[in-house]
Every structure is written in C-alpha cells, then in structure tokens.
N, C-alpha and C. Protein backbone atom coordinates (compact mmCIF):
# COMPACT_ATOMS: atom_id res chain seq x y z
N MET A 1 6.67 6.55 -13.22
CA MET A 1 5.70 5.52 -12.95
C MET A 1 6.22 4.19 -13.47
N ASN A 2 5.83 3.14 -12.79
CA ASN A 2 6.21 1.79 -13.17
C ASN A 2 5.73 1.50 -14.59
N ALA A 3 6.54 0.78 -15.34
CA ALA A 3 6.25 0.54 -16.76
C ALA A 3 4.97 -0.26 -16.97
N ASP A 4 4.59 -1.14 -16.01
CA ASP A 4 3.39 -1.93 -16.26
C ASP A 4 2.12 -1.25 -15.75
N ASN A 5 2.23 -0.01 -15.25
CA ASN A 5 1.02 0.74 -14.88
C ASN A 5 0.37 1.31 -16.12
N LYS A 6 -0.92 1.38 -16.10
CA LYS A 6 -1.68 1.93 -17.21
C LYS A 6 -2.15 3.32 -16.84
N ALA A 7 -2.59 4.05 -17.84
CA ALA A 7 -3.04 5.42 -17.64
C ALA A 7 -4.38 5.45 -16.92
N VAL A 8 -4.45 6.20 -15.87
CA VAL A 8 -5.68 6.53 -15.17
C VAL A 8 -5.62 8.04 -15.04
N PRO A 9 -6.32 8.78 -15.90
CA PRO A 9 -6.11 10.23 -16.04
C PRO A 9 -6.07 11.03 -14.75
N PHE A 10 -7.03 10.83 -13.84
CA PHE A 10 -7.04 11.59 -12.59
C PHE A 10 -5.76 11.32 -11.81
N CYS A 11 -5.39 10.05 -11.69
CA CYS A 11 -4.19 9.68 -10.94
C CYS A 11 -2.93 10.21 -11.63
N ASP A 12 -2.93 10.20 -12.95
CA ASP A 12 -1.78 10.74 -13.68
C ASP A 12 -1.55 12.21 -13.35
N LYS A 13 -2.64 12.98 -13.22
CA LYS A 13 -2.52 14.41 -12.90
C LYS A 13 -2.02 14.61 -11.47
N VAL A 14 -2.58 13.87 -10.53
CA VAL A 14 -2.14 13.97 -9.14
C VAL A 14 -0.67 13.58 -9.03
N ASP A 15 -0.31 12.48 -9.68
CA ASP A 15 1.08 12.02 -9.64
C ASP A 15 2.04 13.04 -10.24
N ALA A 16 1.63 13.70 -11.31
CA ALA A 16 2.49 14.70 -11.94
C ALA A 16 2.75 15.86 -10.99
N VAL A 17 1.72 16.30 -10.28
CA VAL A 17 1.89 17.40 -9.31
C VAL A 17 2.80 16.96 -8.17
N LEU A 18 2.58 15.77 -7.62
CA LEU A 18 3.39 15.27 -6.52
C LEU A 18 4.85 15.09 -6.94
N TYR A 19 5.05 14.56 -8.14
CA TYR A 19 6.41 14.37 -8.62
C TYR A 19 7.11 15.72 -8.81
N ARG A 20 6.38 16.69 -9.33
CA ARG A 20 6.95 18.03 -9.54
C ARG A 20 7.36 18.66 -8.21
N ILE A 21 6.53 18.51 -7.18
CA ILE A 21 6.88 19.03 -5.86
C ILE A 21 8.15 18.34 -5.35
N GLY A 22 8.22 17.03 -5.49
CA GLY A 22 9.41 16.29 -5.07
C GLY A 22 10.64 16.71 -5.84
N TYR A 23 10.47 16.95 -7.13
CA TYR A 23 11.59 17.39 -7.97
C TYR A 23 12.09 18.75 -7.51
N ILE A 24 11.17 19.67 -7.28
CA ILE A 24 11.57 21.02 -6.84
C ILE A 24 12.25 20.96 -5.47
N MET A 25 11.67 20.20 -4.56
CA MET A 25 12.26 20.10 -3.22
C MET A 25 13.60 19.35 -3.26
N GLY A 26 13.79 18.54 -4.27
CA GLY A 26 15.06 17.83 -4.43
C GLY A 26 16.24 18.78 -4.64
N TRP A 27 15.96 19.99 -5.09
CA TRP A 27 17.03 20.97 -5.24
C TRP A 27 17.62 21.35 -3.89
N SER A 28 16.97 20.96 -2.81
CA SER A 28 17.54 21.18 -1.48
C SER A 28 18.89 20.48 -1.36
N TYR A 29 19.06 19.39 -2.11
CA TYR A 29 20.34 18.68 -2.06
C TYR A 29 21.47 19.55 -2.60
N VAL A 30 21.19 20.36 -3.61
CA VAL A 30 22.20 21.27 -4.14
C VAL A 30 22.59 22.28 -3.07
N LEU A 31 21.58 22.85 -2.42
CA LEU A 31 21.86 23.79 -1.33
C LEU A 31 22.62 23.10 -0.20
N LEU A 32 22.23 21.87 0.09
CA LEU A 32 22.90 21.10 1.14
C LEU A 32 24.39 20.95 0.83
N ILE A 33 24.71 20.59 -0.39
CA ILE A 33 26.12 20.42 -0.78
C ILE A 33 26.88 21.74 -0.64
N LEU A 34 26.24 22.83 -1.06
CA LEU A 34 26.89 24.14 -0.93
C LEU A 34 27.12 24.51 0.53
N VAL A 35 26.15 24.24 1.38
CA VAL A 35 26.30 24.53 2.81
C VAL A 35 27.40 23.66 3.42
N ILE A 36 27.47 22.40 3.03
CA ILE A 36 28.53 21.51 3.53
C ILE A 36 29.90 22.03 3.10
N ILE A 37 30.02 22.42 1.84
CA ILE A 37 31.30 22.95 1.34
C ILE A 37 31.68 24.21 2.12
N LEU A 38 30.72 25.10 2.33
CA LEU A 38 30.99 26.32 3.08
C LEU A 38 31.42 25.98 4.51
N GLN A 39 30.72 25.07 5.15
CA GLN A 39 31.04 24.69 6.53
C GLN A 39 32.44 24.07 6.61
N ILE A 40 32.78 23.21 5.67
CA ILE A 40 34.12 22.60 5.66
C ILE A 40 35.19 23.66 5.43
N THR A 41 34.92 24.57 4.50
CA THR A 41 35.87 25.65 4.22
C THR A 41 36.10 26.51 5.46
N LEU A 42 35.02 26.86 6.13
CA LEU A 42 35.15 27.68 7.35
C LEU A 42 35.89 26.92 8.45
N ARG A 43 35.58 25.63 8.60
CA ARG A 43 36.18 24.85 9.68
C ARG A 43 37.65 24.55 9.40
N LYS A 44 37.95 24.06 8.21
CA LYS A 44 39.33 23.64 7.89
C LYS A 44 40.21 24.79 7.44
N GLY A 45 39.61 25.72 6.70
CA GLY A 45 40.41 26.82 6.16
C GLY A 45 40.58 27.99 7.10
N PHE A 46 39.60 28.20 7.97
CA PHE A 46 39.63 29.39 8.82
C PHE A 46 39.44 29.05 10.30
N SER A 47 39.57 27.78 10.64
CA SER A 47 39.40 27.32 12.02
C SER A 47 38.12 27.86 12.64
N GLY A 48 37.10 27.93 11.83
CA GLY A 48 35.81 28.45 12.31
C GLY A 48 34.73 27.43 12.09
N GLY A 49 33.61 27.91 11.76
CA GLY A 49 32.45 27.05 11.53
C GLY A 49 31.24 27.71 12.15
N SER A 50 30.13 27.12 11.94
CA SER A 50 28.90 27.74 12.41
C SER A 50 27.91 26.68 12.85
N ILE A 51 27.39 26.85 14.04
CA ILE A 51 26.35 25.95 14.54
C ILE A 51 25.12 26.05 13.63
N ALA A 52 24.80 27.28 13.22
CA ALA A 52 23.64 27.46 12.35
C ALA A 52 23.80 26.71 11.03
N LEU A 53 25.02 26.69 10.47
CA LEU A 53 25.25 25.95 9.23
C LEU A 53 25.13 24.44 9.47
N GLU A 54 25.60 23.97 10.63
CA GLU A 54 25.45 22.55 10.98
C GLU A 54 23.96 22.18 11.01
N GLU A 55 23.17 23.01 11.68
CA GLU A 55 21.74 22.73 11.77
C GLU A 55 21.06 22.86 10.41
N LEU A 56 21.50 23.83 9.61
CA LEU A 56 20.92 24.01 8.28
C LEU A 56 21.15 22.77 7.41
N GLN A 57 22.29 22.11 7.60
CA GLN A 57 22.55 20.87 6.85
C GLN A 57 21.47 19.83 7.16
N TRP A 58 21.15 19.65 8.43
CA TRP A 58 20.13 18.68 8.82
C TRP A 58 18.77 19.09 8.28
N HIS A 59 18.49 20.38 8.31
CA HIS A 59 17.19 20.86 7.84
C HIS A 59 17.04 20.64 6.33
N LEU A 60 18.07 20.95 5.58
CA LEU A 60 18.01 20.77 4.13
C LEU A 60 17.89 19.29 3.76
N TYR A 61 18.62 18.45 4.47
CA TYR A 61 18.53 17.02 4.23
C TYR A 61 17.11 16.52 4.53
N ALA A 62 16.54 16.99 5.65
CA ALA A 62 15.18 16.58 6.02
C ALA A 62 14.17 17.00 4.97
N VAL A 63 14.28 18.22 4.47
CA VAL A 63 13.34 18.72 3.46
C VAL A 63 13.42 17.86 2.20
N ALA A 64 14.62 17.64 1.70
CA ALA A 64 14.78 16.86 0.47
C ALA A 64 14.30 15.43 0.66
N MET A 65 14.66 14.83 1.77
CA MET A 65 14.31 13.44 2.02
C MET A 65 12.80 13.27 2.22
N MET A 66 12.22 14.08 3.07
CA MET A 66 10.80 13.92 3.40
C MET A 66 9.90 14.20 2.19
N PHE A 67 10.21 15.24 1.42
CA PHE A 67 9.37 15.53 0.26
C PHE A 67 9.67 14.57 -0.89
N GLY A 68 10.85 13.99 -0.89
CA GLY A 68 11.19 13.02 -1.92
C GLY A 68 10.45 11.70 -1.77
N LEU A 69 9.96 11.42 -0.57
CA LEU A 69 9.25 10.16 -0.34
C LEU A 69 7.97 10.06 -1.17
N ALA A 70 7.24 11.17 -1.28
CA ALA A 70 6.01 11.15 -2.09
C ALA A 70 6.35 10.91 -3.56
N ALA A 71 7.43 11.54 -4.04
CA ALA A 71 7.85 11.33 -5.43
C ALA A 71 8.28 9.88 -5.64
N ALA A 72 8.92 9.28 -4.65
CA ALA A 72 9.32 7.87 -4.75
C ALA A 72 8.10 6.97 -4.84
N GLN A 73 7.06 7.29 -4.08
CA GLN A 73 5.82 6.51 -4.15
C GLN A 73 5.18 6.65 -5.52
N VAL A 74 5.17 7.86 -6.05
CA VAL A 74 4.57 8.11 -7.36
C VAL A 74 5.30 7.34 -8.45
N LYS A 75 6.62 7.35 -8.40
CA LYS A 75 7.43 6.69 -9.43
C LYS A 75 7.64 5.20 -9.14
N ASP A 76 7.09 4.73 -8.02
CA ASP A 76 7.24 3.32 -7.62
C ASP A 76 8.72 2.96 -7.53
N SER A 77 9.51 3.90 -7.01
CA SER A 77 10.96 3.67 -6.91
C SER A 77 11.37 3.47 -5.45
N HIS A 78 10.41 3.23 -4.59
CA HIS A 78 10.71 2.97 -3.19
C HIS A 78 11.24 1.54 -3.04
N VAL A 79 11.79 1.24 -1.89
CA VAL A 79 12.35 -0.08 -1.64
C VAL A 79 11.20 -1.07 -1.48
N ARG A 80 11.32 -2.19 -2.16
CA ARG A 80 10.30 -3.23 -2.08
C ARG A 80 11.03 -4.57 -1.92
N VAL A 81 10.57 -5.36 -0.96
CA VAL A 81 11.10 -6.72 -0.81
C VAL A 81 10.29 -7.59 -1.76
N ASP A 82 10.95 -8.06 -2.80
CA ASP A 82 10.24 -8.73 -3.88
C ASP A 82 10.64 -10.20 -3.97
N LEU A 83 10.03 -11.01 -3.10
CA LEU A 83 10.31 -12.44 -3.15
C LEU A 83 9.36 -13.15 -4.12
N PHE A 84 8.10 -12.72 -4.12
CA PHE A 84 7.09 -13.40 -4.91
C PHE A 84 6.40 -12.46 -5.91
N TYR A 85 6.42 -11.17 -5.60
CA TYR A 85 5.64 -10.17 -6.32
C TYR A 85 5.87 -10.23 -7.84
N SER A 86 7.12 -10.39 -8.27
CA SER A 86 7.43 -10.38 -9.70
C SER A 86 6.82 -11.58 -10.43
N ARG A 87 6.49 -12.62 -9.70
CA ARG A 87 5.90 -13.81 -10.33
C ARG A 87 4.37 -13.76 -10.37
N PHE A 88 3.79 -12.78 -9.68
CA PHE A 88 2.33 -12.66 -9.64
C PHE A 88 1.80 -12.16 -10.97
N SER A 89 0.55 -12.52 -11.25
CA SER A 89 -0.14 -11.97 -12.42
C SER A 89 -0.44 -10.49 -12.13
N PRO A 90 -0.69 -9.69 -13.17
CA PRO A 90 -1.02 -8.27 -12.95
C PRO A 90 -2.20 -8.09 -11.98
N LYS A 91 -3.24 -8.87 -12.11
CA LYS A 91 -4.39 -8.74 -11.21
C LYS A 91 -4.00 -9.01 -9.75
N THR A 92 -3.17 -10.01 -9.54
CA THR A 92 -2.72 -10.32 -8.17
C THR A 92 -1.84 -9.20 -7.64
N ARG A 93 -1.01 -8.64 -8.48
CA ARG A 93 -0.18 -7.49 -8.06
C ARG A 93 -1.05 -6.33 -7.63
N TYR A 94 -2.08 -6.02 -8.44
CA TYR A 94 -2.97 -4.92 -8.08
C TYR A 94 -3.67 -5.20 -6.75
N LEU A 95 -4.08 -6.43 -6.55
CA LEU A 95 -4.75 -6.80 -5.30
C LEU A 95 -3.78 -6.65 -4.11
N VAL A 96 -2.56 -7.11 -4.27
CA VAL A 96 -1.55 -6.98 -3.21
C VAL A 96 -1.31 -5.50 -2.90
N GLU A 97 -1.21 -4.68 -3.95
CA GLU A 97 -1.00 -3.24 -3.74
C GLU A 97 -2.17 -2.62 -3.00
N VAL A 98 -3.39 -2.91 -3.43
CA VAL A 98 -4.59 -2.35 -2.79
C VAL A 98 -4.63 -2.74 -1.31
N LEU A 99 -4.43 -4.02 -1.03
CA LEU A 99 -4.45 -4.48 0.36
C LEU A 99 -3.31 -3.87 1.17
N GLY A 100 -2.12 -3.83 0.60
CA GLY A 100 -0.97 -3.25 1.30
C GLY A 100 -1.17 -1.78 1.62
N ILE A 101 -1.72 -1.05 0.67
CA ILE A 101 -1.96 0.39 0.89
C ILE A 101 -3.02 0.58 1.97
N CYS A 102 -4.11 -0.18 1.88
CA CYS A 102 -5.22 -0.02 2.84
C CYS A 102 -4.87 -0.50 4.24
N VAL A 103 -4.16 -1.61 4.34
CA VAL A 103 -3.91 -2.23 5.64
C VAL A 103 -2.62 -1.72 6.30
N LEU A 104 -1.61 -1.43 5.52
CA LEU A 104 -0.32 -1.06 6.09
C LEU A 104 0.05 0.41 5.89
N LEU A 105 0.08 0.85 4.64
CA LEU A 105 0.62 2.17 4.34
C LEU A 105 -0.27 3.31 4.83
N LEU A 106 -1.52 3.35 4.41
CA LEU A 106 -2.39 4.47 4.79
C LEU A 106 -2.58 4.61 6.30
N PRO A 107 -2.82 3.53 7.05
CA PRO A 107 -2.95 3.71 8.50
C PRO A 107 -1.68 4.32 9.12
N PHE A 108 -0.52 3.87 8.69
CA PHE A 108 0.74 4.43 9.20
C PHE A 108 0.85 5.91 8.87
N LEU A 109 0.61 6.26 7.61
CA LEU A 109 0.73 7.65 7.19
C LEU A 109 -0.24 8.55 7.95
N VAL A 110 -1.47 8.10 8.12
CA VAL A 110 -2.49 8.90 8.82
C VAL A 110 -2.12 9.09 10.29
N VAL A 111 -1.64 8.05 10.95
CA VAL A 111 -1.24 8.16 12.36
C VAL A 111 -0.10 9.16 12.51
N VAL A 112 0.91 9.07 11.67
CA VAL A 112 2.04 10.01 11.76
C VAL A 112 1.56 11.43 11.45
N PHE A 113 0.76 11.58 10.40
CA PHE A 113 0.26 12.91 10.04
C PHE A 113 -0.51 13.54 11.19
N LEU A 114 -1.48 12.81 11.75
CA LEU A 114 -2.31 13.37 12.82
C LEU A 114 -1.50 13.70 14.07
N ASN A 115 -0.58 12.82 14.43
CA ASN A 115 0.24 13.08 15.62
C ASN A 115 1.22 14.22 15.40
N SER A 116 1.65 14.42 14.19
CA SER A 116 2.62 15.49 13.93
C SER A 116 1.98 16.87 14.01
N LEU A 117 0.67 16.96 13.84
CA LEU A 117 0.00 18.27 13.90
C LEU A 117 0.15 18.90 15.28
N ASP A 118 -0.08 18.13 16.34
CA ASP A 118 0.10 18.66 17.70
C ASP A 118 1.56 18.96 17.98
N TYR A 119 2.43 18.13 17.47
CA TYR A 119 3.88 18.30 17.64
C TYR A 119 4.32 19.65 17.06
N VAL A 120 3.87 19.96 15.87
CA VAL A 120 4.21 21.22 15.21
C VAL A 120 3.52 22.39 15.91
N HIS A 121 2.26 22.21 16.25
CA HIS A 121 1.53 23.29 16.90
C HIS A 121 2.18 23.68 18.23
N GLU A 122 2.56 22.71 19.02
CA GLU A 122 3.21 23.00 20.31
C GLU A 122 4.54 23.71 20.10
N SER A 123 5.30 23.28 19.12
CA SER A 123 6.57 23.93 18.81
C SER A 123 6.36 25.39 18.40
N TRP A 124 5.34 25.62 17.58
CA TRP A 124 5.01 26.98 17.15
C TRP A 124 4.51 27.82 18.33
N ARG A 125 3.65 27.22 19.17
CA ARG A 125 3.06 27.93 20.30
C ARG A 125 4.12 28.46 21.27
N VAL A 126 5.14 27.65 21.54
CA VAL A 126 6.17 28.07 22.49
C VAL A 126 7.32 28.82 21.82
N GLY A 127 7.24 28.97 20.49
CA GLY A 127 8.32 29.67 19.79
C GLY A 127 9.64 28.91 19.87
N GLU A 128 9.55 27.61 19.72
CA GLU A 128 10.74 26.75 19.87
C GLU A 128 11.84 27.17 18.90
N ARG A 129 13.04 27.15 19.42
CA ARG A 129 14.23 27.42 18.62
C ARG A 129 15.30 26.42 19.01
N SER A 130 16.43 26.51 18.37
CA SER A 130 17.53 25.60 18.66
C SER A 130 17.96 25.74 20.12
N ASP A 131 18.42 24.63 20.70
CA ASP A 131 18.97 24.68 22.05
C ASP A 131 20.29 25.44 22.08
N ALA A 132 20.98 25.46 20.96
CA ALA A 132 22.26 26.19 20.87
C ALA A 132 21.97 27.68 20.71
N SER A 133 22.69 28.48 21.44
CA SER A 133 22.45 29.93 21.39
C SER A 133 22.69 30.50 19.99
N ALA A 134 23.61 29.92 19.25
CA ALA A 134 23.90 30.40 17.89
C ALA A 134 23.18 29.56 16.83
N GLY A 135 22.22 28.75 17.27
CA GLY A 135 21.49 27.88 16.35
C GLY A 135 20.37 28.61 15.64
N LEU A 136 19.63 27.86 14.85
CA LEU A 136 18.55 28.43 14.05
C LEU A 136 17.28 28.65 14.87
N PRO A 137 16.59 29.75 14.58
CA PRO A 137 15.30 29.98 15.23
C PRO A 137 14.19 29.22 14.49
N TYR A 138 12.99 29.36 14.93
CA TYR A 138 11.81 28.83 14.24
C TYR A 138 11.88 27.31 14.02
N ARG A 139 12.15 26.58 15.08
CA ARG A 139 12.24 25.12 14.98
C ARG A 139 10.92 24.53 14.47
N TRP A 140 9.80 25.21 14.74
CA TRP A 140 8.50 24.72 14.28
C TRP A 140 8.45 24.63 12.76
N LEU A 141 9.22 25.47 12.08
CA LEU A 141 9.20 25.48 10.62
C LEU A 141 9.72 24.15 10.05
N ILE A 142 10.82 23.66 10.60
CA ILE A 142 11.34 22.38 10.10
C ILE A 142 10.44 21.23 10.57
N LYS A 143 9.85 21.38 11.74
CA LYS A 143 8.92 20.34 12.21
C LYS A 143 7.67 20.30 11.33
N ALA A 144 7.31 21.42 10.72
CA ALA A 144 6.14 21.47 9.84
C ALA A 144 6.34 20.65 8.57
N VAL A 145 7.58 20.30 8.28
CA VAL A 145 7.87 19.44 7.13
C VAL A 145 7.22 18.06 7.32
N ILE A 146 7.10 17.63 8.56
CA ILE A 146 6.54 16.30 8.82
C ILE A 146 5.09 16.20 8.34
N PRO A 147 4.17 17.03 8.84
CA PRO A 147 2.79 16.88 8.34
C PRO A 147 2.66 17.25 6.86
N ALA A 148 3.44 18.21 6.40
CA ALA A 148 3.36 18.58 4.97
C ALA A 148 3.77 17.41 4.09
N SER A 149 4.90 16.79 4.41
CA SER A 149 5.38 15.68 3.57
C SER A 149 4.50 14.44 3.73
N PHE A 150 4.02 14.18 4.93
CA PHE A 150 3.14 13.03 5.11
C PHE A 150 1.79 13.26 4.45
N GLY A 151 1.34 14.52 4.40
CA GLY A 151 0.12 14.83 3.65
C GLY A 151 0.30 14.51 2.17
N LEU A 152 1.46 14.86 1.63
CA LEU A 152 1.75 14.54 0.23
C LEU A 152 1.86 13.02 0.03
N MET A 153 2.45 12.33 1.00
CA MET A 153 2.55 10.88 0.88
C MET A 153 1.16 10.23 0.93
N ILE A 154 0.26 10.79 1.73
CA ILE A 154 -1.12 10.28 1.76
C ILE A 154 -1.76 10.48 0.39
N MET A 155 -1.55 11.65 -0.21
CA MET A 155 -2.09 11.88 -1.55
C MET A 155 -1.51 10.89 -2.55
N ALA A 156 -0.20 10.63 -2.46
CA ALA A 156 0.45 9.68 -3.37
C ALA A 156 -0.11 8.27 -3.16
N ALA A 157 -0.30 7.89 -1.90
CA ALA A 157 -0.84 6.55 -1.61
C ALA A 157 -2.28 6.43 -2.10
N LEU A 158 -3.08 7.47 -1.93
CA LEU A 158 -4.46 7.43 -2.41
C LEU A 158 -4.51 7.36 -3.94
N SER A 159 -3.64 8.10 -4.58
CA SER A 159 -3.57 8.04 -6.03
C SER A 159 -3.21 6.63 -6.49
N ARG A 160 -2.23 6.05 -5.83
CA ARG A 160 -1.82 4.68 -6.18
C ARG A 160 -2.94 3.69 -5.90
N LEU A 161 -3.65 3.90 -4.78
CA LEU A 161 -4.77 3.03 -4.42
C LEU A 161 -5.86 3.10 -5.49
N ILE A 162 -6.22 4.30 -5.89
CA ILE A 162 -7.25 4.47 -6.92
C ILE A 162 -6.81 3.81 -8.21
N ARG A 163 -5.56 4.07 -8.62
CA ARG A 163 -5.04 3.50 -9.87
C ARG A 163 -5.09 1.98 -9.83
N ASP A 164 -4.58 1.39 -8.76
CA ASP A 164 -4.54 -0.07 -8.69
C ASP A 164 -5.92 -0.68 -8.56
N PHE A 165 -6.84 0.01 -7.86
CA PHE A 165 -8.20 -0.49 -7.77
C PHE A 165 -8.89 -0.45 -9.13
N VAL A 166 -8.72 0.66 -9.85
CA VAL A 166 -9.31 0.77 -11.20
C VAL A 166 -8.75 -0.31 -12.11
N LEU A 167 -7.46 -0.53 -12.03
CA LEU A 167 -6.83 -1.56 -12.87
C LEU A 167 -7.25 -2.97 -12.44
N LEU A 168 -7.45 -3.15 -11.15
CA LEU A 168 -7.88 -4.46 -10.64
C LEU A 168 -9.25 -4.84 -11.18
N ILE A 169 -10.15 -3.89 -11.15
CA ILE A 169 -11.51 -4.22 -11.60
C ILE A 169 -11.73 -3.92 -13.08
N GLY A 170 -10.76 -3.26 -13.71
CA GLY A 170 -10.81 -3.06 -15.17
C GLY A 170 -11.78 -2.01 -15.65
N TRP A 171 -12.04 -0.97 -14.86
CA TRP A 171 -12.94 0.11 -15.30
C TRP A 171 -12.28 0.95 -16.36
N GLY A 172 -12.88 1.12 -17.50
CA GLY A 172 -12.50 1.98 -18.61
C GLY A 172 -11.16 2.66 -18.50
N VAL A 173 -10.11 1.89 -18.62
CA VAL A 173 -8.77 2.42 -18.49
C VAL A 173 -8.11 2.42 -19.85
N SER A 174 -7.43 3.50 -20.17
CA SER A 174 -6.65 3.55 -21.40
C SER A 174 -5.39 2.74 -21.17
N HIS A 175 -5.05 1.87 -22.07
CA HIS A 175 -3.91 0.96 -21.88
C HIS A 175 -2.65 1.47 -22.55
N GLY A 176 -2.20 2.59 -22.15
CA GLY A 176 -0.94 3.11 -22.70
C GLY A 176 -0.68 4.49 -22.22
N ARG A 177 0.51 4.93 -22.42
CA ARG A 177 0.92 6.26 -21.97
C ARG A 177 1.12 7.14 -23.15
C-alpha cells in the first residue's frame, strides 16, 4: 500500500486477501520460466518442441499478468501519469482518486467483466480447444481468467474507493499502520 494511505480496517483486510491471491498467482512466472527452458531445450537440443508448451507459455503469462493487476491496484504500484498529482494536497488526491475510480476505472472494469462472461460461456458451451491439433484443450479455462481477474480488480477498485472516500471525509480512521 502507498505510504501516505491510512488504515481503514475493512479495506486492509480485502487488500490483504487480494494481494495474497496476486502473490500466489505470481508463482506462475516460475512455471513459465521452467516451461520456456524446457521448450528451448527441446527445440535447440533435440530439434523438437511442442505446440502445447508454446500455448502453455501464453497461458501462464496470462494468469500471472491478469491476476497481478489486482495486486498492483492494492499496492498502488500501477502506472500513473503524475504531472500534477504529487503537488496536490492529500484531500485533493483522495478526491481525484474517488472521481477517477467512479468515472473511469469501475465502468471499464464492469464492462469488460460483464462482456467476458458470455465470451467464456460460449467457449465452454462449444468445448473450445486450440486450433492446433497438438494444442491445449479446454480453451474456456484460460478465457475464464478474464472474468475472474476482472472480478478481483473490481474488488480492489472498490476497496480503494472506500478507503479514499473514508479518508476524504475523515470518518474515524486510524492514522497509522
């Protein structure tokens, strides 16, 4: 969490769970590296390789990246264009955050989440698999990462919204960690 954020107990608990999920899913990067090493070894050392391993690389990267976004929101480590923000007073920062979350972030997250549900359902319904004959089955499973990760990002955004709103109006907040 950003150093100038104050403790808001409910949000702290939600953030801890979201960060833990992101941390656990981040181990996908370790698996990704191992799969890449195996694929390179098979391709360069044995003139082989595997379409399934190629696809698994993309799937592992997608899992780590998509679930890591919620953890980035929780830790406030996402990319921010900061031309004026650092010069704002804390109250103005909280107001900017509340407005940004309500007007920009949450509508985007909700639209993607809702649209991804039909996308995943259709993939599951038809039993979608890789177009490659030696590719991975159950394409719906990797597509299910989209609504799952966006659901977590919605939770992270709501937690941040609640925290910043509480801090903006100054409701009984403990000022320390």
